[in-house]
């Protein structure tokens, strides 16, 4: 069974496509964007030497564990703190996943569909 990681990337509004393009270039298949609002204070801005835009986007990308590091590094290069996107990214392990298409042979999928369509009799 393949293991997955959830990559979360918080970027300034308007940079979610930059994040997804970088992730897809190294093997990610897609993601989900959530609009958010940051709450950093002036001390954080001074410490990191950046101005913090309150409107954010959170990009959630579910990836196989074996490409997680490649995706994180690609995101950092294209939308990290030293870019206009001012993004941070991190990953968390995922215990269970349902709903992701796998590389099952076509006849296996057809058999499952037929089994679901066929009414069961007792």
PDB file of N, CA and C in Angstrom:
ATOM      1  N   UNK A   1       0.850  -1.192   0.000  1.00  0.00           N
ATOM      2  CA  UNK A   1       0.000   0.000   0.000  1.00  0.00           C
ATOM      3  C   UNK A   1       0.886   1.243   0.000  1.00  0.00           C
ATOM      4  N   UNK A   2       0.580   2.149  -0.884  1.00  0.00           N
ATOM      5  CA  UNK A   2       1.396   3.357  -1.005  1.00  0.00           C
ATOM      6  C   UNK A   2       1.095   4.330   0.132  1.00  0.00           C
ATOM      7  N   UNK A   3       2.136   4.973   0.660  1.00  0.00           N
ATOM      8  CA  UNK A   3       1.975   5.962   1.730  1.00  0.00           C
ATOM      9  C   UNK A   3       1.913   7.357   1.097  1.00  0.00           C
ATOM     10  N   UNK A   4       1.161   8.250   1.742  1.00  0.00           N
ATOM     11  CA  UNK A   4       0.979   9.605   1.249  1.00  0.00           C
ATOM     12  C   UNK A   4       1.354  10.629   2.304  1.00  0.00           C
ATOM     13  N   UNK A   5       1.642  11.830   1.828  1.00  0.00           N
ATOM     14  CA  UNK A   5       1.895  12.996   2.681  1.00  0.00           C
ATOM     15  C   UNK A   5       1.016  14.136   2.182  1.00  0.00           C
ATOM     16  N   UNK A   6       0.547  14.961   3.107  1.00  0.00           N
ATOM     17  CA  UNK A   6      -0.203  16.166   2.750  1.00  0.00           C
ATOM     18  C   UNK A   6       0.760  17.339   2.849  1.00  0.00           C
ATOM     19  N   UNK A   7       0.985  18.008   1.728  1.00  0.00           N
ATOM     20  CA  UNK A   7       1.809  19.217   1.729  1.00  0.00           C
ATOM     21  C   UNK A   7       0.870  20.401   1.830  1.00  0.00           C
ATOM     22  N   UNK A   8       1.157  21.271   2.765  1.00  0.00           N
ATOM     23  CA  UNK A   8       0.390  22.502   2.942  1.00  0.00           C
ATOM     24  C   UNK A   8       1.340  23.657   2.671  1.00  0.00           C
ATOM     25  N   UNK A   9       0.922  24.554   1.800  1.00  0.00           N
ATOM     26  CA  UNK A   9       1.734  25.721   1.474  1.00  0.00           C
ATOM     27  C   UNK A   9       0.880  26.963   1.646  1.00  0.00           C
ATOM     28  N   UNK A  10       1.359  27.896   2.453  1.00  0.00           N
ATOM     29  CA  UNK A  10       0.658  29.155   2.707  1.00  0.00           C
ATOM     30  C   UNK A  10       1.404  30.245   1.950  1.00  0.00           C
ATOM     31  N   UNK A  11       0.704  30.885   0.999  1.00  0.00           N
ATOM     32  CA  UNK A  11       1.325  31.914   0.164  1.00  0.00           C
ATOM     33  C   UNK A  11       0.435  33.145   0.108  1.00  0.00           C
ATOM     34  N   UNK A  12       1.037  34.262  -0.323  1.00  0.00           N
ATOM     35  CA  UNK A  12       0.247  35.463  -0.557  1.00  0.00           C
ATOM     36  C   UNK A  12      -0.794  35.183  -1.634  1.00  0.00           C
ATOM     37  N   UNK A  13      -1.916  35.855  -1.537  1.00  0.00           N
ATOM     38  CA  UNK A  13      -2.976  35.687  -2.520  1.00  0.00           C
ATOM     39  C   UNK A  13      -2.435  35.932  -3.921  1.00  0.00           C
ATOM     40  N   UNK A  14      -2.819  35.051  -4.830  1.00  0.00           N
ATOM     41  CA  UNK A  14      -2.401  35.182  -6.217  1.00  0.00           C
ATOM     42  C   UNK A  14      -1.241  34.291  -6.604  1.00  0.00           C
ATOM     43  N   UNK A  15      -0.680  33.554  -5.649  1.00  0.00           N
ATOM     44  CA  UNK A  15       0.488  32.722  -5.938  1.00  0.00           C
ATOM     45  C   UNK A  15       0.203  31.228  -5.861  1.00  0.00           C
ATOM     46  N   UNK A  16      -1.051  30.851  -5.737  1.00  0.00           N
ATOM     47  CA  UNK A  16      -1.370  29.419  -5.662  1.00  0.00           C
ATOM     48  C   UNK A  16      -1.036  28.706  -6.972  1.00  0.00           C
ATOM     49  N   UNK A  17      -1.211  29.363  -8.099  1.00  0.00           N
ATOM     50  CA  UNK A  17      -0.865  28.739  -9.390  1.00  0.00           C
ATOM     51  C   UNK A  17       0.639  28.508  -9.492  1.00  0.00           C
ATOM     52  N   UNK A  18       1.425  29.437  -8.974  1.00  0.00           N
ATOM     53  CA  UNK A  18       2.885  29.269  -8.960  1.00  0.00           C
ATOM     54  C   UNK A  18       3.254  28.019  -8.174  1.00  0.00           C
ATOM     55  N   UNK A  19       2.603  27.838  -7.029  1.00  0.00           N
ATOM     56  CA  UNK A  19       2.844  26.665  -6.187  1.00  0.00           C
ATOM     57  C   UNK A  19       2.461  25.393  -6.935  1.00  0.00           C
ATOM     58  N   UNK A  20       1.274  25.389  -7.535  1.00  0.00           N
ATOM     59  CA  UNK A  20       0.807  24.181  -8.222  1.00  0.00           C
ATOM     60  C   UNK A  20       1.661  23.865  -9.441  1.00  0.00           C
ATOM     61  N   UNK A  21       2.076  24.875 -10.179  1.00  0.00           N
ATOM     62  CA  UNK A  21       2.937  24.634 -11.348  1.00  0.00           C
ATOM     63  C   UNK A  21       4.244  23.974 -10.923  1.00  0.00           C
ATOM     64  N   UNK A  22       4.836  24.467  -9.841  1.00  0.00           N
ATOM     65  CA  UNK A  22       6.093  23.893  -9.343  1.00  0.00           C
ATOM     66  C   UNK A  22       5.877  22.454  -8.881  1.00  0.00           C
ATOM     67  N   UNK A  23       4.786  22.208  -8.173  1.00  0.00           N
ATOM     68  CA  UNK A  23       4.496  20.866  -7.669  1.00  0.00           C
ATOM     69  C   UNK A  23       4.241  19.885  -8.815  1.00  0.00           C
ATOM     70  N   UNK A  24       3.499  20.324  -9.811  1.00  0.00           N
ATOM     71  CA  UNK A  24       3.205  19.450 -10.952  1.00  0.00           C
ATOM     72  C   UNK A  24       4.454  19.135 -11.754  1.00  0.00           C
ATOM     73  N   UNK A  25       5.384  20.081 -11.824  1.00  0.00           N
ATOM     74  CA  UNK A  25       6.633  19.847 -12.562  1.00  0.00           C
ATOM     75  C   UNK A  25       7.441  18.683 -11.998  1.00  0.00           C
ATOM     76  N   UNK A  26       7.239  18.349 -10.721  1.00  0.00           N
ATOM     77  CA  UNK A  26       7.989  17.256 -10.111  1.00  0.00           C
ATOM     78  C   UNK A  26       7.102  16.062  -9.738  1.00  0.00           C
ATOM     79  N   UNK A  27       5.895  16.019 -10.291  1.00  0.00           N
ATOM     80  CA  UNK A  27       5.085  14.816 -10.143  1.00  0.00           C
ATOM     81  C   UNK A  27       3.767  14.907  -9.418  1.00  0.00           C
ATOM     82  N   UNK A  28       3.443  16.019  -8.788  1.00  0.00           N
ATOM     83  CA  UNK A  28       2.141  16.145  -8.126  1.00  0.00           C
ATOM     84  C   UNK A  28       1.055  16.199  -9.194  1.00  0.00           C
ATOM     85  N   UNK A  29      -0.131  15.719  -8.855  1.00  0.00           N
ATOM     86  CA  UNK A  29      -1.205  15.656  -9.851  1.00  0.00           C
ATOM     87  C   UNK A  29      -2.224  16.779  -9.712  1.00  0.00           C
ATOM     88  N   UNK A  30      -2.360  17.367  -8.551  1.00  0.00           N
ATOM     89  CA  UNK A  30      -3.353  18.415  -8.350  1.00  0.00           C
ATOM     90  C   UNK A  30      -3.388  18.833  -6.899  1.00  0.00           C
ATOM     91  N   UNK A  31      -4.218  19.811  -6.607  1.00  0.00           N
ATOM     92  CA  UNK A  31      -4.307  20.307  -5.237  1.00  0.00           C
ATOM     93  C   UNK A  31      -5.602  21.061  -5.019  1.00  0.00           C
ATOM     94  N   UNK A  32      -5.756  21.551  -3.822  1.00  0.00           N
ATOM     95  CA  UNK A  32      -6.941  22.323  -3.437  1.00  0.00           C
ATOM     96  C   UNK A  32      -6.471  23.627  -2.816  1.00  0.00           C
ATOM     97  N   UNK A  33      -7.125  24.725  -3.195  1.00  0.00           N
ATOM     98  CA  UNK A  33      -6.764  26.046  -2.678  1.00  0.00           C
ATOM     99  C   UNK A  33      -7.861  26.530  -1.736  1.00  0.00           C
ATOM    100  N   UNK A  34      -7.444  26.994  -0.574  1.00  0.00           N
ATOM    101  CA  UNK A  34      -8.355  27.576   0.409  1.00  0.00           C
ATOM    102  C   UNK A  34      -7.926  29.020   0.630  1.00  0.00           C
ATOM    103  N   UNK A  35      -8.877  29.924   0.620  1.00  0.00           N
ATOM    104  CA  UNK A  35      -8.558  31.325   0.894  1.00  0.00           C
ATOM    105  C   UNK A  35      -8.500  31.528   2.407  1.00  0.00           C
ATOM    106  N   UNK A  36      -7.494  32.291   2.852  1.00  0.00           N
ATOM    107  CA  UNK A  36      -7.263  32.458   4.288  1.00  0.00           C
ATOM    108  C   UNK A  36      -6.799  33.879   4.598  1.00  0.00           C
ATOM    109  N   UNK A  37      -6.655  34.160   5.874  1.00  0.00           N
ATOM    110  CA  UNK A  37      -6.203  35.467   6.333  1.00  0.00           C
ATOM    111  C   UNK A  37      -5.139  35.264   7.402  1.00  0.00           C
ATOM    112  N   UNK A  38      -3.984  35.893   7.205  1.00  0.00           N
ATOM    113  CA  UNK A  38      -2.895  35.789   8.170  1.00  0.00           C
ATOM    114  C   UNK A  38      -3.093  36.725   9.346  1.00  0.00           C
ATOM    115  N   UNK A  39      -2.416  36.428  10.462  1.00  0.00           N
ATOM    116  CA  UNK A  39      -2.561  37.256  11.666  1.00  0.00           C
ATOM    117  C   UNK A  39      -1.221  37.657  12.261  1.00  0.00           C
ATOM    118  N   UNK A  40      -0.172  37.695  11.457  1.00  0.00           N
ATOM    119  CA  UNK A  40       1.162  38.041  11.975  1.00  0.00           C
ATOM    120  C   UNK A  40       1.190  39.481  12.482  1.00  0.00           C
ATOM    121  N   UNK A  41       2.098  39.734  13.413  1.00  0.00           N
ATOM    122  CA  UNK A  41       2.216  41.073  13.968  1.00  0.00           C
ATOM    123  C   UNK A  41       3.471  41.774  13.437  1.00  0.00           C
ATOM    124  N   UNK A  42       3.646  43.015  13.809  1.00  0.00           N
ATOM    125  CA  UNK A  42       4.786  43.815  13.331  1.00  0.00           C
ATOM    126  C   UNK A  42       6.129  43.222  13.755  1.00  0.00           C
ATOM    127  N   UNK A  43       6.185  42.612  14.945  1.00  0.00           N
ATOM    128  CA  UNK A  43       7.440  42.008  15.396  1.00  0.00           C
ATOM    129  C   UNK A  43       7.875  40.887  14.450  1.00  0.00           C
ATOM    130  N   UNK A  44       6.913  40.091  13.978  1.00  0.00           N
ATOM    131  CA  UNK A  44       7.238  39.010  13.040  1.00  0.00           C
ATOM    132  C   UNK A  44       7.750  39.589  11.724  1.00  0.00           C
ATOM    133  N   UNK A  45       7.136  40.667  11.252  1.00  0.00           N
ATOM    134  CA  UNK A  45       7.588  41.309  10.020  1.00  0.00           C
ATOM    135  C   UNK A  45       9.029  41.803  10.162  1.00  0.00           C
ATOM    136  N   UNK A  46       9.337  42.407  11.310  1.00  0.00           N
ATOM    137  CA  UNK A  46      10.693  42.903  11.533  1.00  0.00           C
ATOM    138  C   UNK A  46      11.695  41.758  11.666  1.00  0.00           C
ATOM    139  N   UNK A  47      11.311  40.694  12.340  1.00  0.00           N
ATOM    140  CA  UNK A  47      12.213  39.561  12.544  1.00  0.00           C
ATOM    141  C   UNK A  47      12.578  38.895  11.215  1.00  0.00           C
ATOM    142  N   UNK A  48      11.562  38.686  10.353  1.00  0.00           N
ATOM    143  CA  UNK A  48      11.799  38.012   9.070  1.00  0.00           C
ATOM    144  C   UNK A  48      12.198  38.979   7.958  1.00  0.00           C
ATOM    145  N   UNK A  49      12.189  40.275   8.239  1.00  0.00           N
ATOM    146  CA  UNK A  49      12.530  41.314   7.266  1.00  0.00           C
ATOM    147  C   UNK A  49      11.648  41.256   6.018  1.00  0.00           C
ATOM    148  N   UNK A  50      10.339  41.057   6.256  1.00  0.00           N
ATOM    149  CA  UNK A  50       9.378  41.031   5.158  1.00  0.00           C
ATOM    150  C   UNK A  50       8.126  41.771   5.596  1.00  0.00           C
ATOM    151  N   UNK A  51       7.364  42.238   4.633  1.00  0.00           N
ATOM    152  CA  UNK A  51       6.047  42.779   4.973  1.00  0.00           C
ATOM    153  C   UNK A  51       5.047  41.655   4.740  1.00  0.00           C
ATOM    154  N   UNK A  52       4.142  41.470   5.676  1.00  0.00           N
ATOM    155  CA  UNK A  52       3.220  40.351   5.626  1.00  0.00           C
ATOM    156  C   UNK A  52       1.870  40.814   5.119  1.00  0.00           C
ATOM    157  N   UNK A  53       1.471  40.245   3.999  1.00  0.00           N
ATOM    158  CA  UNK A  53       0.175  40.536   3.393  1.00  0.00           C
ATOM    159  C   UNK A  53      -0.872  39.698   4.128  1.00  0.00           C
ATOM    160  N   UNK A  54      -1.961  40.313   4.590  1.00  0.00           N
ATOM    161  CA  UNK A  54      -2.925  39.545   5.379  1.00  0.00           C
ATOM    162  C   UNK A  54      -3.692  38.497   4.568  1.00  0.00           C
ATOM    163  N   UNK A  55      -3.992  38.764   3.282  1.00  0.00           N
ATOM    164  CA  UNK A  55      -4.742  37.800   2.483  1.00  0.00           C
ATOM    165  C   UNK A  55      -3.823  36.697   1.998  1.00  0.00           C
ATOM    166  N   UNK A  56      -4.202  35.466   2.266  1.00  0.00           N
ATOM    167  CA  UNK A  56      -3.373  34.296   1.967  1.00  0.00           C
ATOM    168  C   UNK A  56      -4.173  33.269   1.184  1.00  0.00           C
ATOM    169  N   UNK A  57      -3.440  32.331   0.606  1.00  0.00           N
ATOM    170  CA  UNK A  57      -4.028  31.138   0.020  1.00  0.00           C
ATOM    171  C   UNK A  57      -3.280  29.954   0.610  1.00  0.00           C
ATOM    172  N   UNK A  58      -4.022  28.928   0.963  1.00  0.00           N
ATOM    173  CA  UNK A  58      -3.419  27.689   1.439  1.00  0.00           C
ATOM    174  C   UNK A  58      -3.621  26.659   0.342  1.00  0.00           C
ATOM    175  N   UNK A  59      -2.516  26.099  -0.130  1.00  0.00           N
ATOM    176  CA  UNK A  59      -2.579  25.078  -1.157  1.00  0.00           C
ATOM    177  C   UNK A  59      -2.322  23.733  -0.491  1.00  0.00           C
ATOM    178  N   UNK A  60      -3.280  22.825  -0.627  1.00  0.00           N
ATOM    179  CA  UNK A  60      -3.156  21.483  -0.063  1.00  0.00           C
ATOM    180  C   UNK A  60      -2.899  20.514  -1.208  1.00  0.00           C
ATOM    181  N   UNK A  61      -1.822  19.748  -1.097  1.00  0.00           N
ATOM    182  CA  UNK A  61      -1.441  18.826  -2.151  1.00  0.00           C
ATOM    183  C   UNK A  61      -1.152  17.466  -1.526  1.00  0.00           C
ATOM    184  N   UNK A  62      -1.898  16.460  -1.922  1.00  0.00           N
ATOM    185  CA  UNK A  62      -1.672  15.106  -1.443  1.00  0.00           C
ATOM    186  C   UNK A  62      -0.728  14.412  -2.426  1.00  0.00           C
ATOM    187  N   UNK A  63       0.419  13.953  -1.930  1.00  0.00           N
ATOM    188  CA  UNK A  63       1.418  13.344  -2.809  1.00  0.00           C
ATOM    189  C   UNK A  63       1.898  12.018  -2.237  1.00  0.00           C
ATOM    190  N   UNK A  64       2.358  11.118  -3.115  1.00  0.00           N
ATOM    191  CA  UNK A  64       3.004   9.912  -2.603  1.00  0.00           C
ATOM    192  C   UNK A  64       4.238  10.303  -1.807  1.00  0.00           C
ATOM    193  N   UNK A  65       4.499   9.569  -0.763  1.00  0.00           N
ATOM    194  CA  UNK A  65       5.603   9.880   0.145  1.00  0.00           C
ATOM    195  C   UNK A  65       6.947  10.008  -0.589  1.00  0.00           C
ATOM    196  N   UNK A  66       7.146   9.221  -1.632  1.00  0.00           N
ATOM    197  CA  UNK A  66       8.444   9.215  -2.309  1.00  0.00           C
ATOM    198  C   UNK A  66       8.748  10.475  -3.110  1.00  0.00           C
ATOM    199  N   UNK A  67       7.750  11.343  -3.377  1.00  0.00           N
ATOM    200  CA  UNK A  67       8.039  12.600  -4.088  1.00  0.00           C
ATOM    201  C   UNK A  67       7.877  13.831  -3.199  1.00  0.00           C
ATOM    202  N   UNK A  68       7.576  13.623  -1.940  1.00  0.00           N
ATOM    203  CA  UNK A  68       7.333  14.740  -1.012  1.00  0.00           C
ATOM    204  C   UNK A  68       8.484  15.741  -0.985  1.00  0.00           C
ATOM    205  N   UNK A  69       9.710  15.267  -0.822  1.00  0.00           N
ATOM    206  CA  UNK A  69      10.855  16.177  -0.736  1.00  0.00           C
ATOM    207  C   UNK A  69      11.045  16.969  -2.020  1.00  0.00           C
ATOM    208  N   UNK A  70      10.873  16.324  -3.175  1.00  0.00           N
ATOM    209  CA  UNK A  70      10.994  17.027  -4.455  1.00  0.00           C
ATOM    210  C   UNK A  70       9.953  18.133  -4.574  1.00  0.00           C
ATOM    211  N   UNK A  71       8.732  17.840  -4.147  1.00  0.00           N
ATOM    212  CA  UNK A  71       7.656  18.839  -4.221  1.00  0.00           C
ATOM    213  C   UNK A  71       7.945  19.996  -3.277  1.00  0.00           C
ATOM    214  N   UNK A  72       8.344  19.700  -2.051  1.00  0.00           N
ATOM    215  CA  UNK A  72       8.652  20.776  -1.097  1.00  0.00           C
ATOM    216  C   UNK A  72       9.768  21.682  -1.612  1.00  0.00           C
ATOM    217  N   UNK A  73      10.828  21.095  -2.154  1.00  0.00           N
ATOM    218  CA  UNK A  73      11.945  21.901  -2.667  1.00  0.00           C
ATOM    219  C   UNK A  73      11.525  22.734  -3.881  1.00  0.00           C
ATOM    220  N   UNK A  74      10.708  22.171  -4.755  1.00  0.00           N
ATOM    221  CA  UNK A  74      10.228  22.914  -5.925  1.00  0.00           C
ATOM    222  C   UNK A  74       9.364  24.099  -5.496  1.00  0.00           C
ATOM    223  N   UNK A  75       8.513  23.888  -4.515  1.00  0.00           N
ATOM    224  CA  UNK A  75       7.661  24.973  -4.005  1.00  0.00           C
ATOM    225  C   UNK A  75       8.526  26.065  -3.378  1.00  0.00           C
ATOM    226  N   UNK A  76       9.510  25.666  -2.601  1.00  0.00           N
ATOM    227  CA  UNK A  76      10.382  26.647  -1.958  1.00  0.00           C
ATOM    228  C   UNK A  76      11.103  27.513  -2.988  1.00  0.00           C
ATOM    229  N   UNK A  77      11.605  26.870  -4.048  1.00  0.00           N
ATOM    230  CA  UNK A  77      12.325  27.625  -5.090  1.00  0.00           C
ATOM    231  C   UNK A  77      11.416  28.621  -5.808  1.00  0.00           C
ATOM    232  N   UNK A  78      10.169  28.239  -6.057  1.00  0.00           N
ATOM    233  CA  UNK A  78       9.302  29.104  -6.851  1.00  0.00           C
ATOM    234  C   UNK A  78       8.467  30.079  -6.027  1.00  0.00           C
ATOM    235  N   UNK A  79       8.149  29.725  -4.780  1.00  0.00           N
ATOM    236  CA  UNK A  79       7.236  30.567  -3.999  1.00  0.00           C
ATOM    237  C   UNK A  79       7.631  30.669  -2.535  1.00  0.00           C
ATOM    238  N   UNK A  80       8.899  30.480  -2.215  1.00  0.00           N
ATOM    239  CA  UNK A  80       9.361  30.526  -0.825  1.00  0.00           C
ATOM    240  C   UNK A  80       9.389  31.923  -0.244  1.00  0.00           C
ATOM    241  N   UNK A  81       9.864  32.045   0.979  1.00  0.00           N
ATOM    242  CA  UNK A  81       9.879  33.330   1.687  1.00  0.00           C
ATOM    243  C   UNK A  81      10.666  34.417   0.965  1.00  0.00           C
ATOM    244  N   UNK A  82      11.657  34.043   0.166  1.00  0.00           N
ATOM    245  CA  UNK A  82      12.466  35.045  -0.531  1.00  0.00           C
ATOM    246  C   UNK A  82      11.891  35.428  -1.895  1.00  0.00           C
ATOM    247  N   UNK A  83      10.662  35.030  -2.164  1.00  0.00           N
ATOM    248  CA  UNK A  83       9.983  35.385  -3.417  1.00  0.00           C
ATOM    249  C   UNK A  83       8.796  36.293  -3.092  1.00  0.00           C
ATOM    250  N   UNK A  84       8.139  36.789  -4.120  1.00  0.00           N
ATOM    251  CA  UNK A  84       6.945  37.613  -3.902  1.00  0.00           C
ATOM    252  C   UNK A  84       5.822  36.829  -3.234  1.00  0.00           C
ATOM    253  N   UNK A  85       5.795  35.523  -3.469  1.00  0.00           N
ATOM    254  CA  UNK A  85       4.754  34.690  -2.860  1.00  0.00           C
ATOM    255  C   UNK A  85       4.900  34.564  -1.359  1.00  0.00           C
ATOM    256  N   UNK A  86       6.121  34.756  -0.852  1.00  0.00           N
ATOM    257  CA  UNK A  86       6.432  34.682   0.579  1.00  0.00           C
ATOM    258  C   UNK A  86       5.802  33.453   1.240  1.00  0.00           C
ATOM    259  N   UNK A  87       5.970  32.312   0.583  1.00  0.00           N
ATOM    260  CA  UNK A  87       5.321  31.103   1.060  1.00  0.00           C
ATOM    261  C   UNK A  87       6.129  30.288   2.036  1.00  0.00           C
ATOM    262  N   UNK A  88       5.404  29.578   2.871  1.00  0.00           N
ATOM    263  CA  UNK A  88       6.006  28.554   3.715  1.00  0.00           C
ATOM    264  C   UNK A  88       5.273  27.255   3.387  1.00  0.00           C
ATOM    265  N   UNK A  89       5.996  26.156   3.435  1.00  0.00           N
ATOM    266  CA  UNK A  89       5.389  24.866   3.128  1.00  0.00           C
ATOM    267  C   UNK A  89       5.874  23.837   4.128  1.00  0.00           C
ATOM    268  N   UNK A  90       5.006  22.900   4.426  1.00  0.00           N
ATOM    269  CA  UNK A  90       5.362  21.804   5.321  1.00  0.00           C
ATOM    270  C   UNK A  90       4.498  20.608   4.954  1.00  0.00           C
ATOM    271  N   UNK A  91       4.890  19.449   5.454  1.00  0.00           N
ATOM    272  CA  UNK A  91       4.108  18.254   5.164  1.00  0.00           C
ATOM    273  C   UNK A  91       3.710  17.558   6.452  1.00  0.00           C
ATOM    274  N   UNK A  92       2.635  16.811   6.366  1.00  0.00           N
ATOM    275  CA  UNK A  92       2.178  15.979   7.474  1.00  0.00           C
ATOM    276  C   UNK A  92       1.849  14.596   6.911  1.00  0.00           C
ATOM    277  N   UNK A  93       2.157  13.552   7.667  1.00  0.00           N
ATOM    278  CA  UNK A  93       1.844  12.208   7.178  1.00  0.00           C
ATOM    279  C   UNK A  93       0.334  11.973   7.152  1.00  0.00           C
ATOM    280  N   UNK A  94      -0.088  11.152   6.225  1.00  0.00           N
ATOM    281  CA  UNK A  94      -1.505  10.819   6.081  1.00  0.00           C
ATOM    282  C   UNK A  94      -1.669   9.334   6.381  1.00  0.00           C
ATOM    283  N   UNK A  95      -2.569   9.010   7.294  1.00  0.00           N
ATOM    284  CA  UNK A  95      -2.759   7.608   7.678  1.00  0.00           C
ATOM    285  C   UNK A  95      -3.536   6.809   6.632  1.00  0.00           C
ATOM    286  N   UNK A  96      -4.651   7.339   6.173  1.00  0.00           N
ATOM    287  CA  UNK A  96      -5.512   6.609   5.244  1.00  0.00           C
ATOM    288  C   UNK A  96      -5.962   7.530   4.126  1.00  0.00           C
ATOM    289  N   UNK A  97      -6.139   6.954   2.941  1.00  0.00           N
ATOM    290  CA  UNK A  97      -6.596   7.712   1.781  1.00  0.00           C
ATOM    291  C   UNK A  97      -7.651   6.890   1.056  1.00  0.00           C
ATOM    292  N   UNK A  98      -8.755   7.527   0.696  1.00  0.00           N
ATOM    293  CA  UNK A  98      -9.759   6.910  -0.173  1.00  0.00           C
ATOM    294  C   UNK A  98     -10.059   7.887  -1.296  1.00  0.00           C
ATOM    295  N   UNK A  99     -10.481   7.364  -2.425  1.00  0.00           N
ATOM    296  CA  UNK A  99     -10.893   8.221  -3.522  1.00  0.00           C
ATOM    297  C   UNK A  99      -9.811   8.608  -4.501  1.00  0.00           C
ATOM    298  N   UNK A 100      -8.611   8.077  -4.326  1.00  0.00           N
ATOM    299  CA  UNK A 100      -7.539   8.374  -5.271  1.00  0.00           C
ATOM    300  C   UNK A 100      -7.476   7.233  -6.261  1.00  0.00           C
ATOM    301  N   UNK A 101      -7.507   7.584  -7.556  1.00  0.00           N
ATOM    302  CA  UNK A 101      -7.408   6.528  -8.555  1.00  0.00           C
ATOM    303  C   UNK A 101      -6.006   5.951  -8.526  1.00  0.00           C
ATOM    304  N   UNK A 102      -5.936   4.656  -8.607  1.00  0.00           N
ATOM    305  CA  UNK A 102      -4.639   3.989  -8.595  1.00  0.00           C
ATOM    306  C   UNK A 102      -4.372   3.400  -9.972  1.00  0.00           C
ATOM    307  N   UNK A 103      -3.252   2.788 -10.113  1.00  0.00           N
ATOM    308  CA  UNK A 103      -2.866   2.204 -11.392  1.00  0.00           C
ATOM    309  C   UNK A 103      -3.401   0.784 -11.510  1.00  0.00           C
ATOM    310  N   UNK A 104      -4.682   0.573 -11.198  1.00  0.00           N
ATOM    311  CA  UNK A 104      -5.282  -0.743 -11.315  1.00  0.00           C
ATOM    312  C   UNK A 104      -5.531  -1.047 -12.786  1.00  0.00           C
ATOM    313  N   UNK A 105      -5.404  -2.301 -13.174  1.00  0.00           N
ATOM    314  CA  UNK A 105      -5.722  -2.657 -14.557  1.00  0.00           C
ATOM    315  C   UNK A 105      -7.183  -2.336 -14.863  1.00  0.00           C
ATOM    316  N   UNK A 106      -7.469  -1.978 -16.101  1.00  0.00           N
ATOM    317  CA  UNK A 106      -8.818  -1.581 -16.508  1.00  0.00           C
ATOM    318  C   UNK A 106      -9.840  -2.667 -16.201  1.00  0.00           C
ATOM    319  N   UNK A 107      -9.508  -3.963 -16.411  1.00  0.00           N
ATOM    320  CA  UNK A 107     -10.485  -5.024 -16.169  1.00  0.00           C
ATOM    321  C   UNK A 107     -10.837  -5.133 -14.689  1.00  0.00           C
ATOM    322  N   UNK A 108      -9.909  -4.795 -13.788  1.00  0.00           N
ATOM    323  CA  UNK A 108     -10.197  -4.819 -12.351  1.00  0.00           C
ATOM    324  C   UNK A 108     -11.243  -3.766 -12.009  1.00  0.00           C
ATOM    325  N   UNK A 109     -11.115  -2.589 -12.583  1.00  0.00           N
ATOM    326  CA  UNK A 109     -12.076  -1.512 -12.346  1.00  0.00           C
ATOM    327  C   UNK A 109     -13.432  -1.897 -12.908  1.00  0.00           C
ATOM    328  N   UNK A 110     -13.445  -2.499 -14.106  1.00  0.00           N
ATOM    329  CA  UNK A 110     -14.708  -2.929 -14.709  1.00  0.00           C
ATOM    330  C   UNK A 110     -15.390  -3.976 -13.847  1.00  0.00           C
ATOM    331  N   UNK A 111     -14.603  -4.921 -13.283  1.00  0.00           N
ATOM    332  CA  UNK A 111     -15.171  -5.953 -12.423  1.00  0.00           C
ATOM    333  C   UNK A 111     -15.805  -5.336 -11.190  1.00  0.00           C
ATOM    334  N   UNK A 112     -15.150  -4.327 -10.598  1.00  0.00           N
ATOM    335  CA  UNK A 112     -15.717  -3.656  -9.429  1.00  0.00           C
ATOM    336  C   UNK A 112     -17.029  -2.968  -9.797  1.00  0.00           C
ATOM    337  N   UNK A 113     -17.073  -2.302 -10.965  1.00  0.00           N
ATOM    338  CA  UNK A 113     -18.278  -1.603 -11.396  1.00  0.00           C
ATOM    339  C   UNK A 113     -19.420  -2.586 -11.599  1.00  0.00           C
ATOM    340  N   UNK A 114     -19.135  -3.727 -12.236  1.00  0.00           N
ATOM    341  CA  UNK A 114     -20.168  -4.733 -12.465  1.00  0.00           C
ATOM    342  C   UNK A 114     -20.676  -5.277 -11.150  1.00  0.00           C
ATOM    343  N   UNK A 115     -19.775  -5.486 -10.205  1.00  0.00           N
ATOM    344  CA  UNK A 115     -20.175  -6.017  -8.902  1.00  0.00           C
ATOM    345  C   UNK A 115     -21.100  -5.043  -8.176  1.00  0.00           C
ATOM    346  N   UNK A 116     -20.843  -3.746  -8.340  1.00  0.00           N
ATOM    347  CA  UNK A 116     -21.679  -2.740  -7.700  1.00  0.00           C
ATOM    348  C   UNK A 116     -23.049  -2.662  -8.357  1.00  0.00           C
ATOM    349  N   UNK A 117     -23.124  -2.890  -9.683  1.00  0.00           N
ATOM    350  CA  UNK A 117     -24.381  -2.781 -10.427  1.00  0.00           C
ATOM    351  C   UNK A 117     -25.254  -4.019 -10.244  1.00  0.00           C
ATOM    352  N   UNK A 118     -24.649  -5.169 -10.015  1.00  0.00           N
ATOM    353  CA  UNK A 118     -25.393  -6.416  -9.917  1.00  0.00           C
ATOM    354  C   UNK A 118     -26.073  -6.504  -8.559  1.00  0.00           C
ATOM    355  N   UNK A 119     -27.422  -6.624  -8.584  1.00  0.00           N
ATOM    356  CA  UNK A 119     -28.100  -6.754  -7.282  1.00  0.00           C
ATOM    357  C   UNK A 119     -27.799  -8.114  -6.669  1.00  0.00           C
ATOM    358  N   UNK A 120     -27.649  -8.128  -5.376  1.00  0.00           N
ATOM    359  CA  UNK A 120     -27.338  -9.364  -4.669  1.00  0.00           C
ATOM    360  C   UNK A 120     -28.644 -10.046  -4.257  1.00  0.00           C
ATOM    361  N   UNK A 121     -28.693 -11.336  -4.436  1.00  0.00           N
ATOM    362  CA  UNK A 121     -29.870 -12.095  -4.013  1.00  0.00           C
ATOM    363  C   UNK A 121     -29.449 -13.078  -2.954  1.00  0.00           C
ATOM    364  N   UNK A 122     -30.372 -13.387  -2.102  1.00  0.00           N
ATOM    365  CA  UNK A 122     -30.061 -14.338  -1.033  1.00  0.00           C
ATOM    366  C   UNK A 122     -30.912 -15.557  -1.170  1.00  0.00           C
TER     367      UNK A 122
END
